[in-house]
PDB file of N, CA and C in Angstrom:
ATOM      1  N   MET A   1     142.477 -53.677  83.042  1.00  0.00           N
ATOM      2  CA  MET A   1     142.334 -52.750  81.835  1.00  0.00           C
ATOM      3  C   MET A   1     143.643 -51.527  82.107  1.00  0.00           C
ATOM      4  N   GLU A   2     144.199 -51.367  81.125  1.00  0.00           N
ATOM      5  CA  GLU A   2     145.280 -50.280  81.026  1.00  0.00           C
ATOM      6  C   GLU A   2     145.119 -49.111  81.199  1.00  0.00           C
ATOM      7  N   GLU A   3     145.218 -47.953  82.067  1.00  0.00           N
ATOM      8  CA  GLU A   3     144.509 -46.937  82.132  1.00  0.00           C
ATOM      9  C   GLU A   3     146.116 -45.751  81.517  1.00  0.00           C
ATOM     10  N   ASP A   4     147.052 -45.818  81.635  1.00  0.00           N
ATOM     11  CA  ASP A   4     148.310 -44.971  81.725  1.00  0.00           C
ATOM     12  C   ASP A   4     148.763 -44.659  80.317  1.00  0.00           C
ATOM     13  N   GLY A   5     148.458 -45.839  79.212  1.00  0.00           N
ATOM     14  CA  GLY A   5     148.127 -44.621  78.295  1.00  0.00           C
ATOM     15  C   GLY A   5     147.723 -43.574  77.322  1.00  0.00           C
ATOM     16  N   TYR A   6     146.304 -43.581  78.433  1.00  0.00           N
ATOM     17  CA  TYR A   6     145.594 -42.506  78.351  1.00  0.00           C
ATOM     18  C   TYR A   6     146.353 -41.115  78.542  1.00  0.00           C
ATOM     19  N   TRP A   7     146.438 -41.586  79.983  1.00  0.00           N
ATOM     20  CA  TRP A   7     146.657 -40.257  81.041  1.00  0.00           C
ATOM     21  C   TRP A   7     148.439 -39.526  80.220  1.00  0.00           C
ATOM     22  N   ARG A   8     149.259 -40.728  79.405  1.00  0.00           N
ATOM     23  CA  ARG A   8     150.502 -40.342  78.411  1.00  0.00           C
ATOM     24  C   ARG A   8     150.127 -39.843  77.315  1.00  0.00           C
ATOM     25  N   ILE A   9     149.243 -40.387  76.816  1.00  0.00           N
ATOM     26  CA  ILE A   9     148.509 -39.453  75.739  1.00  0.00           C
ATOM     27  C   ILE A   9     148.388 -37.697  76.048  1.00  0.00           C
ATOM     28  N   LEU A  10     147.278 -37.836  77.303  1.00  0.00           N
ATOM     29  CA  LEU A  10     147.232 -36.855  77.700  1.00  0.00           C
ATOM     30  C   LEU A  10     148.239 -35.606  78.171  1.00  0.00           C
ATOM     31  N   ASP A  11     149.415 -36.485  78.850  1.00  0.00           N
ATOM     32  CA  ASP A  11     150.626 -35.671  79.249  1.00  0.00           C
ATOM     33  C   ASP A  11     151.395 -35.053  78.156  1.00  0.00           C
ATOM     34  N   GLY A  12     151.530 -36.131  76.926  1.00  0.00           N
ATOM     35  CA  GLY A  12     151.634 -35.331  75.528  1.00  0.00           C
ATOM     36  C   GLY A  12     151.516 -34.652  75.139  1.00  0.00           C
ATOM     37  N   LEU A  13     149.817 -34.057  74.758  1.00  0.00           N
ATOM     38  CA  LEU A  13     149.216 -33.478  74.574  1.00  0.00           C
ATOM     39  C   LEU A  13     149.604 -32.060  75.124  1.00  0.00           C
ATOM     40  N   ALA A  14     149.530 -32.433  76.467  1.00  0.00           N
ATOM     41  CA  ALA A  14     149.935 -30.763  76.889  1.00  0.00           C
ATOM     42  C   ALA A  14     151.021 -30.552  76.822  1.00  0.00           C
ATOM     43  N   ALA A  15     152.287 -31.451  76.521  1.00  0.00           N
ATOM     44  CA  ALA A  15     153.608 -30.764  76.894  1.00  0.00           C
ATOM     45  C   ALA A  15     153.711 -30.262  75.402  1.00  0.00           C
ATOM     46  N   THR A  16     153.289 -30.888  74.233  1.00  0.00           N
ATOM     47  CA  THR A  16     153.880 -30.430  73.280  1.00  0.00           C
ATOM     48  C   THR A  16     152.970 -29.473  72.522  1.00  0.00           C
ATOM     49  N   SER A  17     151.807 -28.974  73.172  1.00  0.00           N
ATOM     50  CA  SER A  17     151.316 -27.534  72.881  1.00  0.00           C
ATOM     51  C   SER A  17     151.351 -26.472  73.746  1.00  0.00           C
ATOM     52  N   THR A  18     150.655 -25.304  73.187  1.00  0.00           N
ATOM     53  CA  THR A  18     150.228 -24.085  74.138  1.00  0.00           C
ATOM     54  C   THR A  18     149.371 -24.027  74.808  1.00  0.00           C
ATOM     55  N   ILE A  19     149.359 -23.493  75.966  1.00  0.00           N
ATOM     56  CA  ILE A  19     148.287 -23.519  76.857  1.00  0.00           C
ATOM     57  C   ILE A  19     147.716 -21.879  76.853  1.00  0.00           C
ATOM     58  N   VAL A  20     146.680 -21.765  76.228  1.00  0.00           N
ATOM     59  CA  VAL A  20     145.658 -20.277  76.173  1.00  0.00           C
ATOM     60  C   VAL A  20     144.937 -20.216  76.888  1.00  0.00           C
ATOM     61  N   ILE A  21     145.048 -19.463  78.444  1.00  0.00           N
ATOM     62  CA  ILE A  21     144.272 -19.013  79.254  1.00  0.00           C
ATOM     63  C   ILE A  21     143.656 -17.963  78.408  1.00  0.00           C
ATOM     64  N   ASP A  22     142.302 -18.285  78.130  1.00  0.00           N
ATOM     65  CA  ASP A  22     141.358 -16.989  77.715  1.00  0.00           C
ATOM     66  C   ASP A  22     140.525 -16.892  79.012  1.00  0.00           C
ATOM     67  N   ARG A  23     140.102 -17.370  80.013  1.00  0.00           N
ATOM     68  CA  ARG A  23     139.529 -16.740  80.923  1.00  0.00           C
ATOM     69  C   ARG A  23     140.206 -17.323  82.229  1.00  0.00           C
ATOM     70  N   PRO A  24     140.611 -15.829  82.441  1.00  0.00           N
ATOM     71  CA  PRO A  24     141.391 -16.214  83.562  1.00  0.00           C
ATOM     72  C   PRO A  24     140.585 -16.188  84.866  1.00  0.00           C
ATOM     73  N   LYS A  25     141.282 -16.598  86.303  1.00  0.00           N
ATOM     74  CA  LYS A  25     140.701 -17.246  87.256  1.00  0.00           C
ATOM     75  C   LYS A  25     139.706 -15.015  87.676  1.00  0.00           C
ATOM     76  N   GLY A  26     138.316 -15.212  88.279  1.00  0.00           N
ATOM     77  CA  GLY A  26     137.693 -14.629  88.867  1.00  0.00           C
ATOM     78  C   GLY A  26     137.291 -13.800  87.720  1.00  0.00           C
ATOM     79  N   THR A  27     137.204 -14.360  86.196  1.00  0.00           N
ATOM     80  CA  THR A  27     136.315 -13.429  85.324  1.00  0.00           C
ATOM     81  C   THR A  27     135.408 -14.107  85.247  1.00  0.00           C
ATOM     82  N   SER A  28     133.984 -13.510  84.273  1.00  0.00           N
ATOM     83  CA  SER A  28     132.543 -14.341  84.436  1.00  0.00           C
ATOM     84  C   SER A  28     132.687 -14.692  83.054  1.00  0.00           C
ATOM     85  N   HIS A  29     131.588 -15.738  82.941  1.00  0.00           N
ATOM     86  CA  HIS A  29     131.517 -16.474  81.376  1.00  0.00           C
ATOM     87  C   HIS A  29     131.047 -15.777  80.448  1.00  0.00           C
ATOM     88  N   PRO A  30     131.331 -15.586  78.979  1.00  0.00           N
ATOM     89  CA  PRO A  30     130.410 -14.441  77.996  1.00  0.00           C
ATOM     90  C   PRO A  30     129.437 -14.423  77.613  1.00  0.00           C
ATOM     91  N   ARG A  31     128.630 -15.954  78.299  1.00  0.00           N
ATOM     92  CA  ARG A  31     127.008 -15.961  78.189  1.00  0.00           C
ATOM     93  C   ARG A  31     126.001 -15.910  79.314  1.00  0.00           C
ATOM     94  N   TYR A  32     127.022 -16.157  80.244  1.00  0.00           N
ATOM     95  CA  TYR A  32     126.625 -16.232  81.611  1.00  0.00           C
ATOM     96  C   TYR A  32     127.450 -15.386  82.515  1.00  0.00           C
ATOM     97  N   PRO A  33     127.190 -14.057  82.514  1.00  0.00           N
ATOM     98  CA  PRO A  33     127.685 -13.119  83.519  1.00  0.00           C
ATOM     99  C   PRO A  33     127.700 -13.387  85.155  1.00  0.00           C
ATOM    100  N   ASP A  34     126.928 -13.765  85.549  1.00  0.00           N
ATOM    101  CA  ASP A  34     126.786 -14.350  86.729  1.00  0.00           C
ATOM    102  C   ASP A  34     127.531 -15.925  87.305  1.00  0.00           C
ATOM    103  N   SER A  35     128.487 -16.605  86.459  1.00  0.00           N
ATOM    104  CA  SER A  35     129.195 -17.451  86.183  1.00  0.00           C
ATOM    105  C   SER A  35     130.731 -17.146  86.279  1.00  0.00           C
ATOM    106  N   ILE A  36     131.274 -17.172  87.461  1.00  0.00           N
ATOM    107  CA  ILE A  36     132.584 -16.746  87.352  1.00  0.00           C
ATOM    108  C   ILE A  36     133.883 -17.766  87.278  1.00  0.00           C
ATOM    109  N   TYR A  37     134.550 -17.868  86.623  1.00  0.00           N
ATOM    110  CA  TYR A  37     135.615 -18.754  87.019  1.00  0.00           C
ATOM    111  C   TYR A  37     136.242 -18.595  88.083  1.00  0.00           C
ATOM    112  N   PRO A  38     136.677 -20.072  89.059  1.00  0.00           N
ATOM    113  CA  PRO A  38     136.922 -20.399  90.162  1.00  0.00           C
ATOM    114  C   PRO A  38     138.569 -20.073  89.887  1.00  0.00           C
ATOM    115  N   VAL A  39     138.964 -20.775  88.490  1.00  0.00           N
ATOM    116  CA  VAL A  39     140.359 -21.166  88.158  1.00  0.00           C
ATOM    117  C   VAL A  39     140.836 -21.028  87.091  1.00  0.00           C
ATOM    118  N   ASP A  40     141.895 -20.325  86.510  1.00  0.00           N
ATOM    119  CA  ASP A  40     142.102 -20.076  85.005  1.00  0.00           C
ATOM    120  C   ASP A  40     141.833 -21.269  83.925  1.00  0.00           C
ATOM    121  N   TYR A  41     140.785 -20.992  82.836  1.00  0.00           N
ATOM    122  CA  TYR A  41     140.242 -22.074  82.280  1.00  0.00           C
ATOM    123  C   TYR A  41     140.934 -21.331  80.645  1.00  0.00           C
ATOM    124  N   GLY A  42     141.242 -22.323  80.114  1.00  0.00           N
ATOM    125  CA  GLY A  42     141.602 -22.240  78.507  1.00  0.00           C
ATOM    126  C   GLY A  42     141.523 -23.536  78.037  1.00  0.00           C
ATOM    127  N   TYR A  43     142.716 -23.414  76.556  1.00  0.00           N
ATOM    128  CA  TYR A  43     142.392 -24.422  75.810  1.00  0.00           C
ATOM    129  C   TYR A  43     144.311 -24.780  75.569  1.00  0.00           C
ATOM    130  N   LEU A  44     144.143 -25.541  75.000  1.00  0.00           N
ATOM    131  CA  LEU A  44     145.179 -26.341  74.080  1.00  0.00           C
ATOM    132  C   LEU A  44     145.193 -26.035  72.758  1.00  0.00           C
ATOM    133  N   ARG A  45     146.318 -25.132  71.849  1.00  0.00           N
ATOM    134  CA  ARG A  45     146.511 -24.327  70.889  1.00  0.00           C
ATOM    135  C   ARG A  45     146.459 -25.485  70.083  1.00  0.00           C
ATOM    136  N   ASP A  46     146.161 -25.856  68.696  1.00  0.00           N
ATOM    137  CA  ASP A  46     146.462 -26.883  67.733  1.00  0.00           C
ATOM    138  C   ASP A  46     145.861 -27.870  68.599  1.00  0.00           C
ATOM    139  N   THR A  47     144.859 -28.168  68.818  1.00  0.00           N
ATOM    140  CA  THR A  47     144.130 -29.646  69.149  1.00  0.00           C
ATOM    141  C   THR A  47     142.799 -29.337  68.745  1.00  0.00           C
ATOM    142  N   ALA A  48     141.918 -30.612  68.606  1.00  0.00           N
ATOM    143  CA  ALA A  48     140.544 -30.074  68.885  1.00  0.00           C
ATOM    144  C   ALA A  48     139.770 -30.971  69.628  1.00  0.00           C
ATOM    145  N   SER A  49     138.472 -30.622  70.303  1.00  0.00           N
ATOM    146  CA  SER A  49     137.923 -31.420  70.948  1.00  0.00           C
ATOM    147  C   SER A  49     136.600 -31.664  70.261  1.00  0.00           C
ATOM    148  N   MET A  50     135.951 -32.329  71.088  1.00  0.00           N
ATOM    149  CA  MET A  50     134.353 -32.743  70.135  1.00  0.00           C
ATOM    150  C   MET A  50     133.787 -31.194  69.478  1.00  0.00           C
ATOM    151  N   ASP A  51     133.551 -30.397  70.705  1.00  0.00           N
ATOM    152  CA  ASP A  51     133.047 -28.914  69.933  1.00  0.00           C
ATOM    153  C   ASP A  51     133.793 -28.588  68.375  1.00  0.00           C
ATOM    154  N   GLY A  52     134.930 -28.824  68.077  1.00  0.00           N
ATOM    155  CA  GLY A  52     135.910 -28.270  67.245  1.00  0.00           C
ATOM    156  C   GLY A  52     136.450 -27.348  67.685  1.00  0.00           C
ATOM    157  N   SER A  53     136.710 -26.401  68.723  1.00  0.00           N
ATOM    158  CA  SER A  53     137.538 -25.897  69.733  1.00  0.00           C
ATOM    159  C   SER A  53     138.438 -26.720  69.985  1.00  0.00           C
ATOM    160  N   GLY A  54     139.827 -26.039  70.534  1.00  0.00           N
ATOM    161  CA  GLY A  54     140.897 -26.981  71.500  1.00  0.00           C
ATOM    162  C   GLY A  54     140.513 -27.395  72.700  1.00  0.00           C
ATOM    163  N   ILE A  55     141.330 -28.727  73.360  1.00  0.00           N
ATOM    164  CA  ILE A  55     140.865 -29.284  74.453  1.00  0.00           C
ATOM    165  C   ILE A  55     140.828 -28.380  75.840  1.00  0.00           C
ATOM    166  N   ASP A  56     139.694 -28.261  76.290  1.00  0.00           N
ATOM    167  CA  ASP A  56     139.782 -27.435  77.334  1.00  0.00           C
ATOM    168  C   ASP A  56     140.188 -27.595  78.127  1.00  0.00           C
ATOM    169  N   VAL A  57     140.867 -26.691  78.953  1.00  0.00           N
ATOM    170  CA  VAL A  57     141.710 -27.049  80.608  1.00  0.00           C
ATOM    171  C   VAL A  57     141.619 -26.242  81.650  1.00  0.00           C
ATOM    172  N   TRP A  58     141.744 -26.743  82.953  1.00  0.00           N
ATOM    173  CA  TRP A  58     141.730 -25.758  83.319  1.00  0.00           C
ATOM    174  C   TRP A  58     142.996 -25.877  84.888  1.00  0.00           C
ATOM    175  N   VAL A  59     143.350 -24.614  84.888  1.00  0.00           N
ATOM    176  CA  VAL A  59     144.870 -24.667  85.260  1.00  0.00           C
ATOM    177  C   VAL A  59     144.927 -24.204  86.481  1.00  0.00           C
ATOM    178  N   GLY A  60     145.239 -24.776  87.549  1.00  0.00           N
ATOM    179  CA  GLY A  60     145.476 -24.575  88.763  1.00  0.00           C
ATOM    180  C   GLY A  60     146.767 -23.789  89.214  1.00  0.00           C
ATOM    181  N   THR A  61     147.103 -24.031  90.343  1.00  0.00           N
ATOM    182  CA  THR A  61     148.046 -23.660  91.318  1.00  0.00           C
ATOM    183  C   THR A  61     149.287 -24.341  92.226  1.00  0.00           C
ATOM    184  N   GLY A  62     148.546 -25.904  91.541  1.00  0.00           N
ATOM    185  CA  GLY A  62     149.444 -26.502  92.553  1.00  0.00           C
ATOM    186  C   GLY A  62     150.625 -27.341  91.466  1.00  0.00           C
ATOM    187  N   LEU A  63     151.276 -28.355  91.697  1.00  0.00           N
ATOM    188  CA  LEU A  63     152.249 -28.936  90.869  1.00  0.00           C
ATOM    189  C   LEU A  63     152.459 -30.535  91.210  1.00  0.00           C
ATOM    190  N   CYS A  64     150.941 -30.599  90.732  1.00  0.00           N
ATOM    191  CA  CYS A  64     150.772 -32.096  90.334  1.00  0.00           C
ATOM    192  C   CYS A  64     150.734 -32.214  89.425  1.00  0.00           C
ATOM    193  N   GLY A  65     150.873 -31.751  87.942  1.00  0.00           N
ATOM    194  CA  GLY A  65     150.448 -32.016  86.386  1.00  0.00           C
ATOM    195  C   GLY A  65     149.378 -32.439  86.174  1.00  0.00           C
ATOM    196  N   ILE A  66     148.898 -33.420  85.124  1.00  0.00           N
ATOM    197  CA  ILE A  66     147.577 -33.687  85.025  1.00  0.00           C
ATOM    198  C   ILE A  66     147.006 -35.163  85.599  1.00  0.00           C
ATOM    199  N   ASP A  67     146.049 -34.755  86.605  1.00  0.00           N
ATOM    200  CA  ASP A  67     145.704 -35.962  87.589  1.00  0.00           C
ATOM    201  C   ASP A  67     144.373 -36.456  87.616  1.00  0.00           C
ATOM    202  N   ALA A  68     144.025 -35.365  86.763  1.00  0.00           N
ATOM    203  CA  ALA A  68     142.612 -35.658  87.026  1.00  0.00           C
ATOM    204  C   ALA A  68     142.136 -35.016  85.514  1.00  0.00           C
ATOM    205  N   ILE A  69     140.477 -35.219  84.947  1.00  0.00           N
ATOM    206  CA  ILE A  69     139.961 -34.684  83.788  1.00  0.00           C
ATOM    207  C   ILE A  69     138.565 -34.352  84.584  1.00  0.00           C
ATOM    208  N   ILE A  70     137.609 -33.792  83.814  1.00  0.00           N
ATOM    209  CA  ILE A  70     136.381 -33.591  84.308  1.00  0.00           C
ATOM    210  C   ILE A  70     135.681 -33.935  82.526  1.00  0.00           C
ATOM    211  N   CYS A  71     134.221 -34.730  83.220  1.00  0.00           N
ATOM    212  CA  CYS A  71     133.999 -35.332  81.745  1.00  0.00           C
ATOM    213  C   CYS A  71     132.446 -34.450  82.084  1.00  0.00           C
ATOM    214  N   VAL A  72     132.661 -33.898  81.238  1.00  0.00           N
ATOM    215  CA  VAL A  72     131.075 -33.171  81.157  1.00  0.00           C
ATOM    216  C   VAL A  72     129.999 -33.250  79.856  1.00  0.00           C
ATOM    217  N   ALA A  73     128.629 -33.229  80.351  1.00  0.00           N
ATOM    218  CA  ALA A  73     127.214 -33.933  79.417  1.00  0.00           C
ATOM    219  C   ALA A  73     126.605 -32.438  79.897  1.00  0.00           C
ATOM    220  N   GLU A  74     126.313 -31.370  78.339  1.00  0.00           N
ATOM    221  CA  GLU A  74     125.311 -30.803  78.071  1.00  0.00           C
ATOM    222  C   GLU A  74     124.330 -30.971  77.907  1.00  0.00           C
ATOM    223  N   LEU A  75     123.137 -30.941  77.936  1.00  0.00           N
ATOM    224  CA  LEU A  75     121.773 -30.220  77.035  1.00  0.00           C
ATOM    225  C   LEU A  75     121.687 -29.361  75.819  1.00  0.00           C
ATOM    226  N   VAL A  76     121.897 -28.385  76.827  1.00  0.00           N
ATOM    227  CA  VAL A  76     121.855 -27.104  75.744  1.00  0.00           C
ATOM    228  C   VAL A  76     122.581 -26.898  74.672  1.00  0.00           C
ATOM    229  N   LYS A  77     123.972 -27.408  74.677  1.00  0.00           N
ATOM    230  CA  LYS A  77     124.613 -27.586  74.001  1.00  0.00           C
ATOM    231  C   LYS A  77     124.376 -28.836  73.041  1.00  0.00           C
ATOM    232  N   GLY A  78     123.912 -29.853  73.488  1.00  0.00           N
ATOM    233  CA  GLY A  78     123.759 -31.146  73.018  1.00  0.00           C
ATOM    234  C   GLY A  78     125.357 -31.524  72.822  1.00  0.00           C
ATOM    235  N   ASP A  79     126.318 -31.605  73.982  1.00  0.00           N
ATOM    236  CA  ASP A  79     127.385 -32.262  73.903  1.00  0.00           C
ATOM    237  C   ASP A  79     128.201 -32.831  75.135  1.00  0.00           C
ATOM    238  N   SER A  80     129.109 -33.672  74.452  1.00  0.00           N
ATOM    239  CA  SER A  80     129.639 -34.162  75.695  1.00  0.00           C
ATOM    240  C   SER A  80     131.064 -34.166  75.312  1.00  0.00           C
ATOM    241  N   GLU A  81     132.459 -33.457  76.158  1.00  0.00           N
ATOM    242  CA  GLU A  81     133.697 -33.561  76.035  1.00  0.00           C
ATOM    243  C   GLU A  81     134.014 -33.938  77.843  1.00  0.00           C
ATOM    244  N   ILE A  82     136.149 -33.542  77.379  1.00  0.00           N
ATOM    245  CA  ILE A  82     136.700 -33.782  78.619  1.00  0.00           C
ATOM    246  C   ILE A  82     136.941 -31.976  78.953  1.00  0.00           C
ATOM    247  N   LYS A  83     137.617 -31.888  80.089  1.00  0.00           N
ATOM    248  CA  LYS A  83     138.291 -30.731  79.919  1.00  0.00           C
ATOM    249  C   LYS A  83     139.446 -31.661  80.862  1.00  0.00           C
ATOM    250  N   ILE A  84     140.784 -31.118  80.793  1.00  0.00           N
ATOM    251  CA  ILE A  84     141.836 -31.470  81.264  1.00  0.00           C
ATOM    252  C   ILE A  84     142.457 -30.779  82.485  1.00  0.00           C
ATOM    253  N   LEU A  85     142.733 -31.211  84.163  1.00  0.00           N
ATOM    254  CA  LEU A  85     143.106 -30.413  84.750  1.00  0.00           C
ATOM    255  C   LEU A  85     144.325 -30.616  84.987  1.00  0.00           C
ATOM    256  N   ILE A  86     145.056 -29.202  85.249  1.00  0.00           N
ATOM    257  CA  ILE A  86     146.455 -29.408  85.395  1.00  0.00           C
ATOM    258  C   ILE A  86     146.739 -28.523  86.175  1.00  0.00           C
ATOM    259  N   ASP A  87     147.969 -29.458  87.113  1.00  0.00           N
ATOM    260  CA  ASP A  87     148.780 -28.054  88.199  1.00  0.00           C
ATOM    261  C   ASP A  87     146.992 -28.149  89.543  1.00  0.00           C
ATOM    262  N   CYS A  88     145.954 -28.714  89.251  1.00  0.00           N
ATOM    263  CA  CYS A  88     144.876 -28.366  90.554  1.00  0.00           C
ATOM    264  C   CYS A  88     144.924 -29.162  91.518  1.00  0.00           C
ATOM    265  N   THR A  89     145.197 -27.775  92.552  1.00  0.00           N
ATOM    266  CA  THR A  89     145.024 -28.795  93.972  1.00  0.00           C
ATOM    267  C   THR A  89     143.420 -28.899  94.217  1.00  0.00           C
ATOM    268  N   GLU A  90     144.019 -30.025  95.763  1.00  0.00           N
ATOM    269  CA  GLU A  90     142.039 -30.744  95.773  1.00  0.00           C
ATOM    270  C   GLU A  90     140.701 -29.587  95.995  1.00  0.00           C
ATOM    271  N   GLU A  91     141.271 -28.433  96.335  1.00  0.00           N
ATOM    272  CA  GLU A  91     140.207 -27.223  96.902  1.00  0.00           C
ATOM    273  C   GLU A  91     139.433 -26.979  94.970  1.00  0.00           C
ATOM    274  N   GLU A  92     140.711 -26.673  94.274  1.00  0.00           N
ATOM    275  CA  GLU A  92     140.307 -26.310  92.984  1.00  0.00           C
ATOM    276  C   GLU A  92     139.473 -27.161  91.892  1.00  0.00           C
ATOM    277  N   LYS A  93     140.162 -28.697  92.168  1.00  0.00           N
ATOM    278  CA  LYS A  93     139.161 -30.007  92.049  1.00  0.00           C
ATOM    279  C   LYS A  93     137.628 -29.410  92.288  1.00  0.00           C
ATOM    280  N   ARG A  94     137.316 -29.342  93.403  1.00  0.00           N
ATOM    281  CA  ARG A  94     136.372 -29.117  94.175  1.00  0.00           C
ATOM    282  C   ARG A  94     135.552 -28.018  93.351  1.00  0.00           C
ATOM    283  N   LEU A  95     136.119 -26.776  93.265  1.00  0.00           N
ATOM    284  CA  LEU A  95     135.655 -25.486  92.652  1.00  0.00           C
ATOM    285  C   LEU A  95     134.874 -25.735  91.239  1.00  0.00           C
ATOM    286  N   ILE A  96     136.020 -26.889  90.753  1.00  0.00           N
ATOM    287  CA  ILE A  96     136.044 -26.974  88.996  1.00  0.00           C
ATOM    288  C   ILE A  96     134.308 -28.006  88.876  1.00  0.00           C
ATOM    289  N   PHE A  97     134.391 -28.892  90.087  1.00  0.00           N
ATOM    290  CA  PHE A  97     133.785 -29.557  90.151  1.00  0.00           C
ATOM    291  C   PHE A  97     132.344 -29.177  90.188  1.00  0.00           C
ATOM    292  N   GLY A  98     132.120 -28.411  91.091  1.00  0.00           N
ATOM    293  CA  GLY A  98     131.385 -27.187  91.046  1.00  0.00           C
ATOM    294  C   GLY A  98     130.226 -26.404  90.076  1.00  0.00           C
ATOM    295  N   VAL A  99     131.205 -25.938  89.211  1.00  0.00           N
ATOM    296  CA  VAL A  99     131.199 -25.469  87.758  1.00  0.00           C
ATOM    297  C   VAL A  99     130.259 -26.071  86.966  1.00  0.00           C
ATOM    298  N   HIS A 100     130.610 -27.050  87.256  1.00  0.00           N
ATOM    299  CA  HIS A 100     130.411 -27.901  85.701  1.00  0.00           C
ATOM    300  C   HIS A 100     128.878 -28.933  86.328  1.00  0.00           C
ATOM    301  N   ASN A 101     128.353 -28.834  87.512  1.00  0.00           N
ATOM    302  CA  ASN A 101     127.303 -29.156  88.531  1.00  0.00           C
ATOM    303  C   ASN A 101     126.578 -28.292  89.142  1.00  0.00           C
ATOM    304  N   GLU A 102     126.494 -26.945  88.287  1.00  0.00           N
ATOM    305  CA  GLU A 102     125.422 -25.568  88.591  1.00  0.00           C
ATOM    306  C   GLU A 102     124.165 -25.953  88.561  1.00  0.00           C
ATOM    307  N   THR A 103     123.583 -26.669  86.897  1.00  0.00           N
ATOM    308  CA  THR A 103     122.394 -26.359  86.740  1.00  0.00           C
ATOM    309  C   THR A 103     122.175 -28.147  86.234  1.00  0.00           C
ATOM    310  N   GLU A 104     120.707 -28.157  86.131  1.00  0.00           N
ATOM    311  CA  GLU A 104     120.083 -29.433  85.584  1.00  0.00           C
ATOM    312  C   GLU A 104     120.154 -30.047  84.445  1.00  0.00           C
ATOM    313  N   ASN A 105     120.928 -28.664  83.914  1.00  0.00           N
ATOM    314  CA  ASN A 105     122.106 -28.784  82.066  1.00  0.00           C
ATOM    315  C   ASN A 105     122.720 -29.494  81.951  1.00  0.00           C
ATOM    316  N   MET A 106     123.700 -29.411  83.019  1.00  0.00           N
ATOM    317  CA  MET A 106     125.104 -29.655  82.245  1.00  0.00           C
ATOM    318  C   MET A 106     125.580 -30.434  84.011  1.00  0.00           C
ATOM    319  N   LYS A 107     125.968 -31.765  83.275  1.00  0.00           N
ATOM    320  CA  LYS A 107     126.706 -32.548  84.747  1.00  0.00           C
ATOM    321  C   LYS A 107     127.482 -32.846  84.307  1.00  0.00           C
ATOM    322  N   GLY A 108     128.983 -33.289  85.163  1.00  0.00           N
ATOM    323  CA  GLY A 108     130.294 -33.549  85.135  1.00  0.00           C
ATOM    324  C   GLY A 108     130.404 -34.530  86.363  1.00  0.00           C
ATOM    325  N   VAL A 109     131.788 -35.188  85.447  1.00  0.00           N
ATOM    326  CA  VAL A 109     131.781 -36.368  86.839  1.00  0.00           C
ATOM    327  C   VAL A 109     133.589 -36.082  86.629  1.00  0.00           C
ATOM    328  N   LEU A 110     134.241 -36.126  88.104  1.00  0.00           N
ATOM    329  CA  LEU A 110     135.817 -36.122  87.824  1.00  0.00           C
ATOM    330  C   LEU A 110     135.958 -37.281  87.829  1.00  0.00           C
ATOM    331  N   VAL A 111     137.108 -37.883  86.997  1.00  0.00           N
ATOM    332  CA  VAL A 111     138.094 -38.944  86.582  1.00  0.00           C
ATOM    333  C   VAL A 111     139.147 -38.543  87.624  1.00  0.00           C
ATOM    334  N   ARG A 112     140.281 -39.416  88.286  1.00  0.00           N
ATOM    335  CA  ARG A 112     141.148 -39.193  89.083  1.00  0.00           C
ATOM    336  C   ARG A 112     142.151 -40.104  88.281  1.00  0.00           C
ATOM    337  N   ARG A 113     143.340 -39.916  87.841  1.00  0.00           N
ATOM    338  CA  ARG A 113     144.389 -40.228  87.458  1.00  0.00           C
ATOM    339  C   ARG A 113     144.684 -41.554  88.644  1.00  0.00           C
ATOM    340  N   LYS A 114     144.766 -42.612  88.450  1.00  0.00           N
ATOM    341  CA  LYS A 114     145.728 -43.380  89.763  1.00  0.00           C
ATOM    342  C   LYS A 114     146.765 -43.464  89.847  1.00  0.00           C
ATOM    343  N   PRO A 115     147.250 -43.227  91.255  1.00  0.00           N
ATOM    344  CA  PRO A 115     148.351 -43.331  91.477  1.00  0.00           C
ATOM    345  C   PRO A 115     149.802 -43.911  90.951  1.00  0.00           C
ATOM    346  N   PRO A 116     150.537 -43.902  90.154  1.00  0.00           N
ATOM    347  CA  PRO A 116     151.527 -45.082  89.538  1.00  0.00           C
ATOM    348  C   PRO A 116     152.047 -45.786  90.675  1.00  0.00           C
ATOM    349  N   ARG A 117     152.058 -47.463  90.410  1.00  0.00           N
ATOM    350  CA  ARG A 117     151.902 -48.637  90.705  1.00  0.00           C
ATOM    351  C   ARG A 117     153.605 -48.986  91.646  1.00  0.00           C
ATOM    352  N   SER A 118     153.892 -49.020  92.895  1.00  0.00           N
ATOM    353  CA  SER A 118     154.959 -49.274  93.296  1.00  0.00           C
ATOM    354  C   SER A 118     155.685 -50.272  92.920  1.00  0.00           C
TER     355      SER A 118
END
């Protein structure tokens, strides 16, 4: 199965879009004040995801580019979407995974980009 094309498209979307961080690390969720963002969170301007908003992104402190996504399903919102992880360290990925698996109403699966074949 050819997965490289999918990741190249994500790379292209990120490269040609402005990243907007509307929920910086350490801020609380607007509807759930006890939920604190452990990593910068935002979206790609002029893109669209399943909820009609821009494609969601987590932007970390590493230098690895896009090497993972998290696929999230939510019962309360009745939707499912992806969040692109950009420059996230392994610790940041662990924290992000935790955010999307805190409740029984929302679950996420981390999908890692396979390293290029040599």
